[in-house]
PDB file of N, CA and C in Angstrom:
ATOM      1  N   MET A   1     -81.188 194.269-235.547  1.00  0.00           N
ATOM      2  CA  MET A   1     -80.816 193.445-234.424  1.00  0.00           C
ATOM      3  C   MET A   1     -81.788 192.277-234.268  1.00  0.00           C
ATOM      4  N   LEU A   2     -83.051 192.498-234.454  1.00  0.00           N
ATOM      5  CA  LEU A   2     -84.029 191.438-234.229  1.00  0.00           C
ATOM      6  C   LEU A   2     -83.975 190.329-235.271  1.00  0.00           C
ATOM      7  N   LYS A   3     -83.241 190.520-236.359  1.00  0.00           N
ATOM      8  CA  LYS A   3     -83.116 189.482-237.374  1.00  0.00           C
ATOM      9  C   LYS A   3     -81.789 188.735-237.274  1.00  0.00           C
ATOM     10  N   ALA A   4     -80.914 189.187-236.400  1.00  0.00           N
ATOM     11  CA  ALA A   4     -79.594 188.570-236.260  1.00  0.00           C
ATOM     12  C   ALA A   4     -79.680 187.295-235.419  1.00  0.00           C
ATOM     13  N   GLU A   5     -78.780 186.375-235.690  1.00  0.00           N
ATOM     14  CA  GLU A   5     -78.672 185.163-234.868  1.00  0.00           C
ATOM     15  C   GLU A   5     -77.536 185.289-233.871  1.00  0.00           C
ATOM     16  N   TYR A   6     -76.468 185.956-234.268  1.00  0.00           N
ATOM     17  CA  TYR A   6     -75.259 186.058-233.453  1.00  0.00           C
ATOM     18  C   TYR A   6     -74.819 187.514-233.341  1.00  0.00           C
ATOM     19  N   TRP A   7     -74.187 187.828-232.221  1.00  0.00           N
ATOM     20  CA  TRP A   7     -73.543 189.116-232.030  1.00  0.00           C
ATOM     21  C   TRP A   7     -72.120 188.824-231.600  1.00  0.00           C
ATOM     22  N   CYS A   8     -71.168 189.152-232.439  1.00  0.00           N
ATOM     23  CA  CYS A   8     -69.756 188.902-232.159  1.00  0.00           C
ATOM     24  C   CYS A   8     -69.096 190.186-231.685  1.00  0.00           C
ATOM     25  N   TYR A   9     -68.601 190.154-230.474  1.00  0.00           N
ATOM     26  CA  TYR A   9     -67.909 191.299-229.897  1.00  0.00           C
ATOM     27  C   TYR A   9     -66.615 190.783-229.308  1.00  0.00           C
ATOM     28  N   VAL A  10     -65.635 190.613-230.164  1.00  0.00           N
ATOM     29  CA  VAL A  10     -64.322 190.138-229.738  1.00  0.00           C
ATOM     30  C   VAL A  10     -63.465 191.382-229.521  1.00  0.00           C
ATOM     31  N   THR A  11     -63.106 191.614-228.265  1.00  0.00           N
ATOM     32  CA  THR A  11     -62.485 192.875-227.882  1.00  0.00           C
ATOM     33  C   THR A  11     -61.490 192.690-226.750  1.00  0.00           C
ATOM     34  N   ASP A  12     -60.634 193.672-226.587  1.00  0.00           N
ATOM     35  CA  ASP A  12     -59.762 193.766-225.419  1.00  0.00           C
ATOM     36  C   ASP A  12     -60.210 194.901-224.504  1.00  0.00           C
ATOM     37  N   TYR A  13     -61.248 195.621-224.929  1.00  0.00           N
ATOM     38  CA  TYR A  13     -61.736 196.760-224.165  1.00  0.00           C
ATOM     39  C   TYR A  13     -62.394 196.258-222.884  1.00  0.00           C
ATOM     40  N   GLU A  14     -62.018 196.825-221.776  1.00  0.00           N
ATOM     41  CA  GLU A  14     -62.535 196.367-220.488  1.00  0.00           C
ATOM     42  C   GLU A  14     -63.786 197.143-220.101  1.00  0.00           C
ATOM     43  N   GLU A  15     -64.913 196.615-220.535  1.00  0.00           N
ATOM     44  CA  GLU A  15     -66.223 197.211-220.252  1.00  0.00           C
ATOM     45  C   GLU A  15     -66.494 197.180-218.748  1.00  0.00           C
ATOM     46  N   THR A  16     -67.218 198.185-218.266  1.00  0.00           N
ATOM     47  CA  THR A  16     -67.677 198.150-216.875  1.00  0.00           C
ATOM     48  C   THR A  16     -69.051 197.489-216.791  1.00  0.00           C
ATOM     49  N   TYR A  17     -69.848 197.668-217.830  1.00  0.00           N
ATOM     50  CA  TYR A  17     -71.128 196.975-217.974  1.00  0.00           C
ATOM     51  C   TYR A  17     -71.551 197.190-219.419  1.00  0.00           C
ATOM     52  N   CYS A  18     -71.644 196.160-220.171  1.00  0.00           N
ATOM     53  CA  CYS A  18     -71.922 196.288-221.602  1.00  0.00           C
ATOM     54  C   CYS A  18     -73.424 196.170-221.843  1.00  0.00           C
ATOM     55  N   ILE A  19     -74.092 197.317-221.921  1.00  0.00           N
ATOM     56  CA  ILE A  19     -75.538 197.332-222.119  1.00  0.00           C
ATOM     57  C   ILE A  19     -75.924 196.674-223.438  1.00  0.00           C
ATOM     58  N   THR A  20     -75.068 196.783-224.440  1.00  0.00           N
ATOM     59  CA  THR A  20     -75.367 196.160-225.738  1.00  0.00           C
ATOM     60  C   THR A  20     -75.443 194.646-225.594  1.00  0.00           C
ATOM     61  N   ALA A  21     -74.583 194.061-224.772  1.00  0.00           N
ATOM     62  CA  ALA A  21     -74.635 192.616-224.549  1.00  0.00           C
ATOM     63  C   ALA A  21     -75.972 192.217-223.928  1.00  0.00           C
ATOM     64  N   LEU A  22     -76.449 193.014-222.991  1.00  0.00           N
ATOM     65  CA  LEU A  22     -77.746 192.747-222.377  1.00  0.00           C
ATOM     66  C   LEU A  22     -78.865 192.885-223.401  1.00  0.00           C
ATOM     67  N   GLU A  23     -78.802 193.927-224.224  1.00  0.00           N
ATOM     68  CA  GLU A  23     -79.821 194.134-225.256  1.00  0.00           C
ATOM     69  C   GLU A  23     -79.859 192.977-226.248  1.00  0.00           C
ATOM     70  N   MET A  24     -78.690 192.457-226.608  1.00  0.00           N
ATOM     71  CA  MET A  24     -78.638 191.340-227.553  1.00  0.00           C
ATOM     72  C   MET A  24     -79.302 190.102-226.970  1.00  0.00           C
ATOM     73  N   GLN A  25     -79.024 189.815-225.708  1.00  0.00           N
ATOM     74  CA  GLN A  25     -79.638 188.657-225.079  1.00  0.00           C
ATOM     75  C   GLN A  25     -81.151 188.825-224.985  1.00  0.00           C
ATOM     76  N   TYR A  26     -81.590 190.046-224.699  1.00  0.00           N
ATOM     77  CA  TYR A  26     -83.023 190.320-224.624  1.00  0.00           C
ATOM     78  C   TYR A  26     -83.687 190.194-225.993  1.00  0.00           C
ATOM     79  N   ALA A  27     -82.926 190.466-227.048  1.00  0.00           N
ATOM     80  CA  ALA A  27     -83.445 190.358-228.419  1.00  0.00           C
ATOM     81  C   ALA A  27     -83.304 188.937-228.969  1.00  0.00           C
ATOM     82  N   LYS A  28     -82.868 188.008-228.129  1.00  0.00           N
ATOM     83  CA  LYS A  28     -82.666 186.600-228.508  1.00  0.00           C
ATOM     84  C   LYS A  28     -81.611 186.447-229.604  1.00  0.00           C
ATOM     85  N   VAL A  29     -80.524 187.198-229.425  1.00  0.00           N
ATOM     86  CA  VAL A  29     -79.355 187.095-230.297  1.00  0.00           C
ATOM     87  C   VAL A  29     -78.236 186.496-229.448  1.00  0.00           C
ATOM     88  N   LEU A  30     -77.594 185.447-229.941  1.00  0.00           N
ATOM     89  CA  LEU A  30     -76.557 184.754-229.181  1.00  0.00           C
ATOM     90  C   LEU A  30     -75.266 185.570-229.177  1.00  0.00           C
ATOM     91  N   PRO A  31     -74.809 186.009-227.996  1.00  0.00           N
ATOM     92  CA  PRO A  31     -73.569 186.779-227.947  1.00  0.00           C
ATOM     93  C   PRO A  31     -72.331 185.878-227.976  1.00  0.00           C
ATOM     94  N   ILE A  32     -71.366 186.310-228.746  1.00  0.00           N
ATOM     95  CA  ILE A  32     -70.051 185.667-228.788  1.00  0.00           C
ATOM     96  C   ILE A  32     -69.065 186.765-228.438  1.00  0.00           C
ATOM     97  N   VAL A  33     -68.505 186.698-227.224  1.00  0.00           N
ATOM     98  CA  VAL A  33     -67.703 187.796-226.710  1.00  0.00           C
ATOM     99  C   VAL A  33     -66.392 187.292-226.123  1.00  0.00           C
ATOM    100  N   THR A  34     -65.494 188.243-225.928  1.00  0.00           N
ATOM    101  CA  THR A  34     -64.237 187.955-225.254  1.00  0.00           C
ATOM    102  C   THR A  34     -64.474 187.905-223.750  1.00  0.00           C
ATOM    103  N   LYS A  35     -63.844 186.955-223.091  1.00  0.00           N
ATOM    104  CA  LYS A  35     -63.955 186.797-221.642  1.00  0.00           C
ATOM    105  C   LYS A  35     -63.076 187.866-220.983  1.00  0.00           C
ATOM    106  N   VAL A  36     -63.597 189.092-220.943  1.00  0.00           N
ATOM    107  CA  VAL A  36     -62.827 190.208-220.395  1.00  0.00           C
ATOM    108  C   VAL A  36     -63.751 191.144-219.620  1.00  0.00           C
ATOM    109  N   ALA A  37     -63.269 191.625-218.490  1.00  0.00           N
ATOM    110  CA  ALA A  37     -63.959 192.607-217.654  1.00  0.00           C
ATOM    111  C   ALA A  37     -65.403 192.190-217.377  1.00  0.00           C
ATOM    112  N   ALA A  38     -66.337 193.127-217.478  1.00  0.00           N
ATOM    113  CA  ALA A  38     -67.730 192.874-217.099  1.00  0.00           C
ATOM    114  C   ALA A  38     -68.478 191.999-218.087  1.00  0.00           C
ATOM    115  N   LEU A  39     -67.914 191.735-219.243  1.00  0.00           N
ATOM    116  CA  LEU A  39     -68.592 190.849-220.198  1.00  0.00           C
ATOM    117  C   LEU A  39     -68.806 189.468-219.592  1.00  0.00           C
ATOM    118  N   THR A  40     -67.934 189.065-218.675  1.00  0.00           N
ATOM    119  CA  THR A  40     -68.102 187.757-218.025  1.00  0.00           C
ATOM    120  C   THR A  40     -69.323 187.740-217.121  1.00  0.00           C
ATOM    121  N   GLU A  41     -69.783 188.907-216.680  1.00  0.00           N
ATOM    122  CA  GLU A  41     -70.981 188.991-215.851  1.00  0.00           C
ATOM    123  C   GLU A  41     -72.221 189.361-216.665  1.00  0.00           C
ATOM    124  N   THR A  42     -72.028 190.189-217.689  1.00  0.00           N
ATOM    125  CA  THR A  42     -73.160 190.673-218.474  1.00  0.00           C
ATOM    126  C   THR A  42     -73.675 189.610-219.427  1.00  0.00           C
ATOM    127  N   VAL A  43     -72.785 188.785-219.952  1.00  0.00           N
ATOM    128  CA  VAL A  43     -73.206 187.703-220.855  1.00  0.00           C
ATOM    129  C   VAL A  43     -73.451 186.467-220.002  1.00  0.00           C
ATOM    130  N   ASN A  44     -74.712 186.203-219.771  1.00  0.00           N
ATOM    131  CA  ASN A  44     -75.087 185.102-218.892  1.00  0.00           C
ATOM    132  C   ASN A  44     -75.030 183.755-219.585  1.00  0.00           C
ATOM    133  N   SER A  45     -75.462 183.706-220.828  1.00  0.00           N
ATOM    134  CA  SER A  45     -75.501 182.443-221.544  1.00  0.00           C
ATOM    135  C   SER A  45     -75.180 182.715-223.011  1.00  0.00           C
ATOM    136  N   GLY A  46     -73.935 182.618-223.308  1.00  0.00           N
ATOM    137  CA  GLY A  46     -73.463 182.845-224.672  1.00  0.00           C
ATOM    138  C   GLY A  46     -72.141 182.125-224.839  1.00  0.00           C
ATOM    139  N   ILE A  47     -71.373 182.558-225.786  1.00  0.00           N
ATOM    140  CA  ILE A  47     -70.059 181.962-226.003  1.00  0.00           C
ATOM    141  C   ILE A  47     -69.020 182.975-225.550  1.00  0.00           C
ATOM    142  N   LEU A  48     -68.257 182.591-224.524  1.00  0.00           N
ATOM    143  CA  LEU A  48     -67.218 183.454-223.984  1.00  0.00           C
ATOM    144  C   LEU A  48     -65.857 182.912-224.406  1.00  0.00           C
ATOM    145  N   LEU A  49     -65.127 183.728-225.128  1.00  0.00           N
ATOM    146  CA  LEU A  49     -63.841 183.311-225.681  1.00  0.00           C
ATOM    147  C   LEU A  49     -62.678 183.856-224.861  1.00  0.00           C
ATOM    148  N   GLU A  50     -61.646 183.056-224.730  1.00  0.00           N
ATOM    149  CA  GLU A  50     -60.409 183.560-224.141  1.00  0.00           C
ATOM    150  C   GLU A  50     -59.811 184.571-225.114  1.00  0.00           C
ATOM    151  N   ARG A  51     -58.977 185.456-224.629  1.00  0.00           N
ATOM    152  CA  ARG A  51     -58.364 186.467-225.509  1.00  0.00           C
ATOM    153  C   ARG A  51     -57.582 185.823-226.644  1.00  0.00           C
ATOM    154  N   SER A  52     -57.014 184.663-226.386  1.00  0.00           N
ATOM    155  CA  SER A  52     -56.236 183.976-227.420  1.00  0.00           C
ATOM    156  C   SER A  52     -57.116 183.398-228.524  1.00  0.00           C
ATOM    157  N   GLU A  53     -58.435 183.346-228.315  1.00  0.00           N
ATOM    158  CA  GLU A  53     -59.370 182.782-229.288  1.00  0.00           C
ATOM    159  C   GLU A  53     -60.140 183.846-230.063  1.00  0.00           C
ATOM    160  N   THR A  54     -59.720 185.079-229.965  1.00  0.00           N
ATOM    161  CA  THR A  54     -60.549 186.148-230.505  1.00  0.00           C
ATOM    162  C   THR A  54     -60.187 186.562-231.925  1.00  0.00           C
ATOM    163  N   ASN A  55     -59.640 185.674-232.701  1.00  0.00           N
ATOM    164  CA  ASN A  55     -59.483 186.013-234.117  1.00  0.00           C
ATOM    165  C   ASN A  55     -60.690 185.434-234.858  1.00  0.00           C
ATOM    166  N   TRP A  56     -60.962 185.989-236.007  1.00  0.00           N
ATOM    167  CA  TRP A  56     -62.186 185.622-236.728  1.00  0.00           C
ATOM    168  C   TRP A  56     -62.194 184.180-237.194  1.00  0.00           C
ATOM    169  N   ASP A  57     -61.033 183.590-237.441  1.00  0.00           N
ATOM    170  CA  ASP A  57     -60.999 182.182-237.827  1.00  0.00           C
ATOM    171  C   ASP A  57     -61.558 181.297-236.716  1.00  0.00           C
ATOM    172  N   ASP A  58     -61.188 181.614-235.466  1.00  0.00           N
ATOM    173  CA  ASP A  58     -61.700 180.839-234.329  1.00  0.00           C
ATOM    174  C   ASP A  58     -63.212 181.025-234.174  1.00  0.00           C
ATOM    175  N   VAL A  59     -63.683 182.252-234.338  1.00  0.00           N
ATOM    176  CA  VAL A  59     -65.122 182.528-234.224  1.00  0.00           C
ATOM    177  C   VAL A  59     -65.896 181.751-235.277  1.00  0.00           C
ATOM    178  N   ILE A  60     -65.415 181.768-236.508  1.00  0.00           N
ATOM    179  CA  ILE A  60     -66.079 181.042-237.601  1.00  0.00           C
ATOM    180  C   ILE A  60     -66.081 179.546-237.337  1.00  0.00           C
ATOM    181  N   GLN A  61     -64.986 179.021-236.814  1.00  0.00           N
ATOM    182  CA  GLN A  61     -64.916 177.591-236.494  1.00  0.00           C
ATOM    183  C   GLN A  61     -65.936 177.234-235.405  1.00  0.00           C
ATOM    184  N   ILE A  62     -66.057 178.058-234.395  1.00  0.00           N
ATOM    185  CA  ILE A  62     -67.023 177.812-233.316  1.00  0.00           C
ATOM    186  C   ILE A  62     -68.447 177.817-233.864  1.00  0.00           C
ATOM    187  N   LEU A  63     -68.754 178.785-234.712  1.00  0.00           N
ATOM    188  CA  LEU A  63     -70.096 178.858-235.298  1.00  0.00           C
ATOM    189  C   LEU A  63     -70.404 177.624-236.134  1.00  0.00           C
ATOM    190  N   GLY A  64     -69.386 177.086-236.801  1.00  0.00           N
ATOM    191  CA  GLY A  64     -69.574 175.899-237.628  1.00  0.00           C
ATOM    192  C   GLY A  64     -69.843 174.638-236.826  1.00  0.00           C
ATOM    193  N   THR A  65     -69.430 174.620-235.567  1.00  0.00           N
ATOM    194  CA  THR A  65     -69.600 173.420-234.744  1.00  0.00           C
ATOM    195  C   THR A  65     -70.732 173.550-233.731  1.00  0.00           C
ATOM    196  N   LEU A  66     -71.361 174.704-233.676  1.00  0.00           N
ATOM    197  CA  LEU A  66     -72.428 174.946-232.715  1.00  0.00           C
ATOM    198  C   LEU A  66     -73.709 174.249-233.159  1.00  0.00           C
ATOM    199  N   GLY A  67     -74.189 173.353-232.348  1.00  0.00           N
ATOM    200  CA  GLY A  67     -75.420 172.626-232.679  1.00  0.00           C
ATOM    201  C   GLY A  67     -76.652 173.485-232.484  1.00  0.00           C
ATOM    202  N   GLU A  68     -77.687 173.208-233.228  1.00  0.00           N
ATOM    203  CA  GLU A  68     -78.929 173.987-233.170  1.00  0.00           C
ATOM    204  C   GLU A  68     -79.584 173.896-231.796  1.00  0.00           C
ATOM    205  N   GLU A  69     -79.579 172.713-231.191  1.00  0.00           N
ATOM    206  CA  GLU A  69     -80.213 172.540-229.879  1.00  0.00           C
ATOM    207  C   GLU A  69     -79.486 173.359-228.812  1.00  0.00           C
ATOM    208  N   LEU A  70     -78.157 173.305-228.805  1.00  0.00           N
ATOM    209  CA  LEU A  70     -77.375 174.078-227.838  1.00  0.00           C
ATOM    210  C   LEU A  70     -77.581 175.575-228.052  1.00  0.00           C
ATOM    211  N   LYS A  71     -77.593 175.999-229.305  1.00  0.00           N
ATOM    212  CA  LYS A  71     -77.807 177.408-229.631  1.00  0.00           C
ATOM    213  C   LYS A  71     -79.167 177.862-229.110  1.00  0.00           C
ATOM    214  N   THR A  72     -80.202 177.090-229.362  1.00  0.00           N
ATOM    215  CA  THR A  72     -81.556 177.437-228.936  1.00  0.00           C
ATOM    216  C   THR A  72     -81.647 177.523-227.417  1.00  0.00           C
ATOM    217  N   LYS A  73     -81.063 176.561-226.710  1.00  0.00           N
ATOM    218  CA  LYS A  73     -81.089 176.566-225.246  1.00  0.00           C
ATOM    219  C   LYS A  73     -80.329 177.769-224.695  1.00  0.00           C
ATOM    220  N   SER A  74     -79.184 178.074-225.281  1.00  0.00           N
ATOM    221  CA  SER A  74     -78.385 179.217-224.830  1.00  0.00           C
ATOM    222  C   SER A  74     -79.119 180.528-225.038  1.00  0.00           C
ATOM    223  N   ILE A  75     -79.750 180.671-226.186  1.00  0.00           N
ATOM    224  CA  ILE A  75     -80.500 181.890-226.487  1.00  0.00           C
ATOM    225  C   ILE A  75     -81.660 182.061-225.508  1.00  0.00           C
ATOM    226  N   GLU A  76     -82.392 181.004-225.242  1.00  0.00           N
ATOM    227  CA  GLU A  76     -83.534 181.095-224.331  1.00  0.00           C
ATOM    228  C   GLU A  76     -83.074 181.394-222.899  1.00  0.00           C
ATOM    229  N   ALA A  77     -81.997 180.744-222.458  1.00  0.00           N
ATOM    230  CA  ALA A  77     -81.473 181.009-221.116  1.00  0.00           C
ATOM    231  C   ALA A  77     -81.004 182.455-220.986  1.00  0.00           C
ATOM    232  N   ALA A  78     -80.337 182.957-222.012  1.00  0.00           N
ATOM    233  CA  ALA A  78     -79.865 184.347-221.997  1.00  0.00           C
ATOM    234  C   ALA A  78     -81.040 185.316-221.974  1.00  0.00           C
ATOM    235  N   PHE A  79     -82.074 185.025-222.742  1.00  0.00           N
ATOM    236  CA  PHE A  79     -83.261 185.873-222.784  1.00  0.00           C
ATOM    237  C   PHE A  79     -83.945 185.922-221.423  1.00  0.00           C
ATOM    238  N   GLN A  80     -84.139 184.770-220.806  1.00  0.00           N
ATOM    239  CA  GLN A  80     -84.794 184.719-219.495  1.00  0.00           C
ATOM    240  C   GLN A  80     -83.995 185.513-218.456  1.00  0.00           C
ATOM    241  N   TRP A  81     -82.668 185.390-218.508  1.00  0.00           N
ATOM    242  CA  TRP A  81     -81.810 186.131-217.587  1.00  0.00           C
ATOM    243  C   TRP A  81     -81.892 187.631-217.855  1.00  0.00           C
ATOM    244  N   ALA A  82     -81.837 188.024-219.110  1.00  0.00           N
ATOM    245  CA  ALA A  82     -81.867 189.443-219.480  1.00  0.00           C
ATOM    246  C   ALA A  82     -83.174 190.100-219.048  1.00  0.00           C
ATOM    247  N   LYS A  83     -84.285 189.367-219.116  1.00  0.00           N
ATOM    248  CA  LYS A  83     -85.573 189.921-218.696  1.00  0.00           C
ATOM    249  C   LYS A  83     -85.567 190.334-217.227  1.00  0.00           C
ATOM    250  N   LYS A  84     -84.754 189.672-216.442  1.00  0.00           N
ATOM    251  CA  LYS A  84     -84.706 189.944-214.997  1.00  0.00           C
ATOM    252  C   LYS A  84     -83.754 191.088-214.639  1.00  0.00           C
ATOM    253  N   GLN A  85     -83.008 191.605-215.592  1.00  0.00           N
ATOM    254  CA  GLN A  85     -82.013 192.638-215.310  1.00  0.00           C
ATOM    255  C   GLN A  85     -82.627 194.034-215.390  1.00  0.00           C
ATOM    256  N   THR A  86     -83.529 194.303-214.478  1.00  0.00           N
ATOM    257  CA  THR A  86     -84.225 195.580-214.436  1.00  0.00           C
ATOM    258  C   THR A  86     -83.398 196.598-213.657  1.00  0.00           C
ATOM    259  N   TRP A  87     -83.805 197.858-213.747  1.00  0.00           N
ATOM    260  CA  TRP A  87     -83.123 198.898-212.967  1.00  0.00           C
ATOM    261  C   TRP A  87     -83.280 198.624-211.477  1.00  0.00           C
ATOM    262  N   GLU A  88     -84.408 198.078-211.082  1.00  0.00           N
ATOM    263  CA  GLU A  88     -84.628 197.750-209.672  1.00  0.00           C
ATOM    264  C   GLU A  88     -83.604 196.716-209.197  1.00  0.00           C
ATOM    265  N   VAL A  89     -83.384 195.681-209.996  1.00  0.00           N
ATOM    266  CA  VAL A  89     -82.410 194.645-209.648  1.00  0.00           C
ATOM    267  C   VAL A  89     -80.996 195.231-209.618  1.00  0.00           C
ATOM    268  N   ARG A  90     -80.653 196.039-210.618  1.00  0.00           N
ATOM    269  CA  ARG A  90     -79.319 196.643-210.677  1.00  0.00           C
ATOM    270  C   ARG A  90     -79.078 197.549-209.472  1.00  0.00           C
ATOM    271  N   SER A  91     -80.080 198.364-209.088  1.00  0.00           N
ATOM    272  CA  SER A  91     -79.896 199.270-207.959  1.00  0.00           C
ATOM    273  C   SER A  91     -79.773 198.485-206.642  1.00  0.00           C
ATOM    274  N   TYR A  92     -80.511 197.381-206.536  1.00  0.00           N
ATOM    275  CA  TYR A  92     -80.390 196.528-205.351  1.00  0.00           C
ATOM    276  C   TYR A  92     -78.972 195.955-205.256  1.00  0.00           C
ATOM    277  N   GLU A  93     -78.444 195.479-206.371  1.00  0.00           N
ATOM    278  CA  GLU A  93     -77.084 194.923-206.382  1.00  0.00           C
ATOM    279  C   GLU A  93     -76.047 195.986-206.009  1.00  0.00           C
ATOM    280  N   LEU A  94     -76.216 197.199-206.518  1.00  0.00           N
ATOM    281  CA  LEU A  94     -75.289 198.287-206.197  1.00  0.00           C
ATOM    282  C   LEU A  94     -75.374 198.640-204.716  1.00  0.00           C
ATOM    283  N   LYS A  95     -76.571 198.728-204.198  1.00  0.00           N
ATOM    284  CA  LYS A  95     -76.745 199.028-202.778  1.00  0.00           C
ATOM    285  C   LYS A  95     -76.098 197.951-201.919  1.00  0.00           C
ATOM    286  N   LYS A  96     -76.283 196.715-202.279  1.00  0.00           N
ATOM    287  CA  LYS A  96     -75.690 195.597-201.548  1.00  0.00           C
ATOM    288  C   LYS A  96     -74.162 195.681-201.576  1.00  0.00           C
ATOM    289  N   LEU A  97     -73.614 196.012-202.739  1.00  0.00           N
ATOM    290  CA  LEU A  97     -72.167 196.166-202.872  1.00  0.00           C
ATOM    291  C   LEU A  97     -71.648 197.311-202.015  1.00  0.00           C
ATOM    292  N   LEU A  98     -72.322 198.463-202.077  1.00  0.00           N
ATOM    293  CA  LEU A  98     -71.888 199.623-201.292  1.00  0.00           C
ATOM    294  C   LEU A  98     -71.985 199.362-199.782  1.00  0.00           C
ATOM    295  N   ASN A  99     -72.978 198.620-199.367  1.00  0.00           N
ATOM    296  CA  ASN A  99     -73.109 198.291-197.936  1.00  0.00           C
ATOM    297  C   ASN A  99     -72.058 197.318-197.453  1.00  0.00           C
ATOM    298  N   SER A 100     -71.456 196.582-198.374  1.00  0.00           N
ATOM    299  CA  SER A 100     -70.437 195.598-197.977  1.00  0.00           C
ATOM    300  C   SER A 100     -69.051 196.218-197.791  1.00  0.00           C
ATOM    301  N   VAL A 101     -68.874 197.461-198.214  1.00  0.00           N
ATOM    302  CA  VAL A 101     -67.548 198.094-198.064  1.00  0.00           C
ATOM    303  C   VAL A 101     -67.478 199.005-196.887  1.00  0.00           C
TER     304      VAL A 101
END
């Protein structure tokens, strides 16, 4: 994982919270995921694809047009965000949600 540049997870599976997506961002690997379920919240700074864009030809085309500067900025932003996703932060968010219902 630490030698990878990209993590492609093109799926229709509706994750509730994708810990692997968080781990990838923390490892400074750029996630490329489908814009579905909790992936839209778990992937803070990556490439989010519509379901219609989730074939491998589209993914390869996106990778071919991704500039180095944008990739570097996205990876760093994702890493900084992932560092803040501690159990303390997650439990605070859950408590806040439960108190709102």
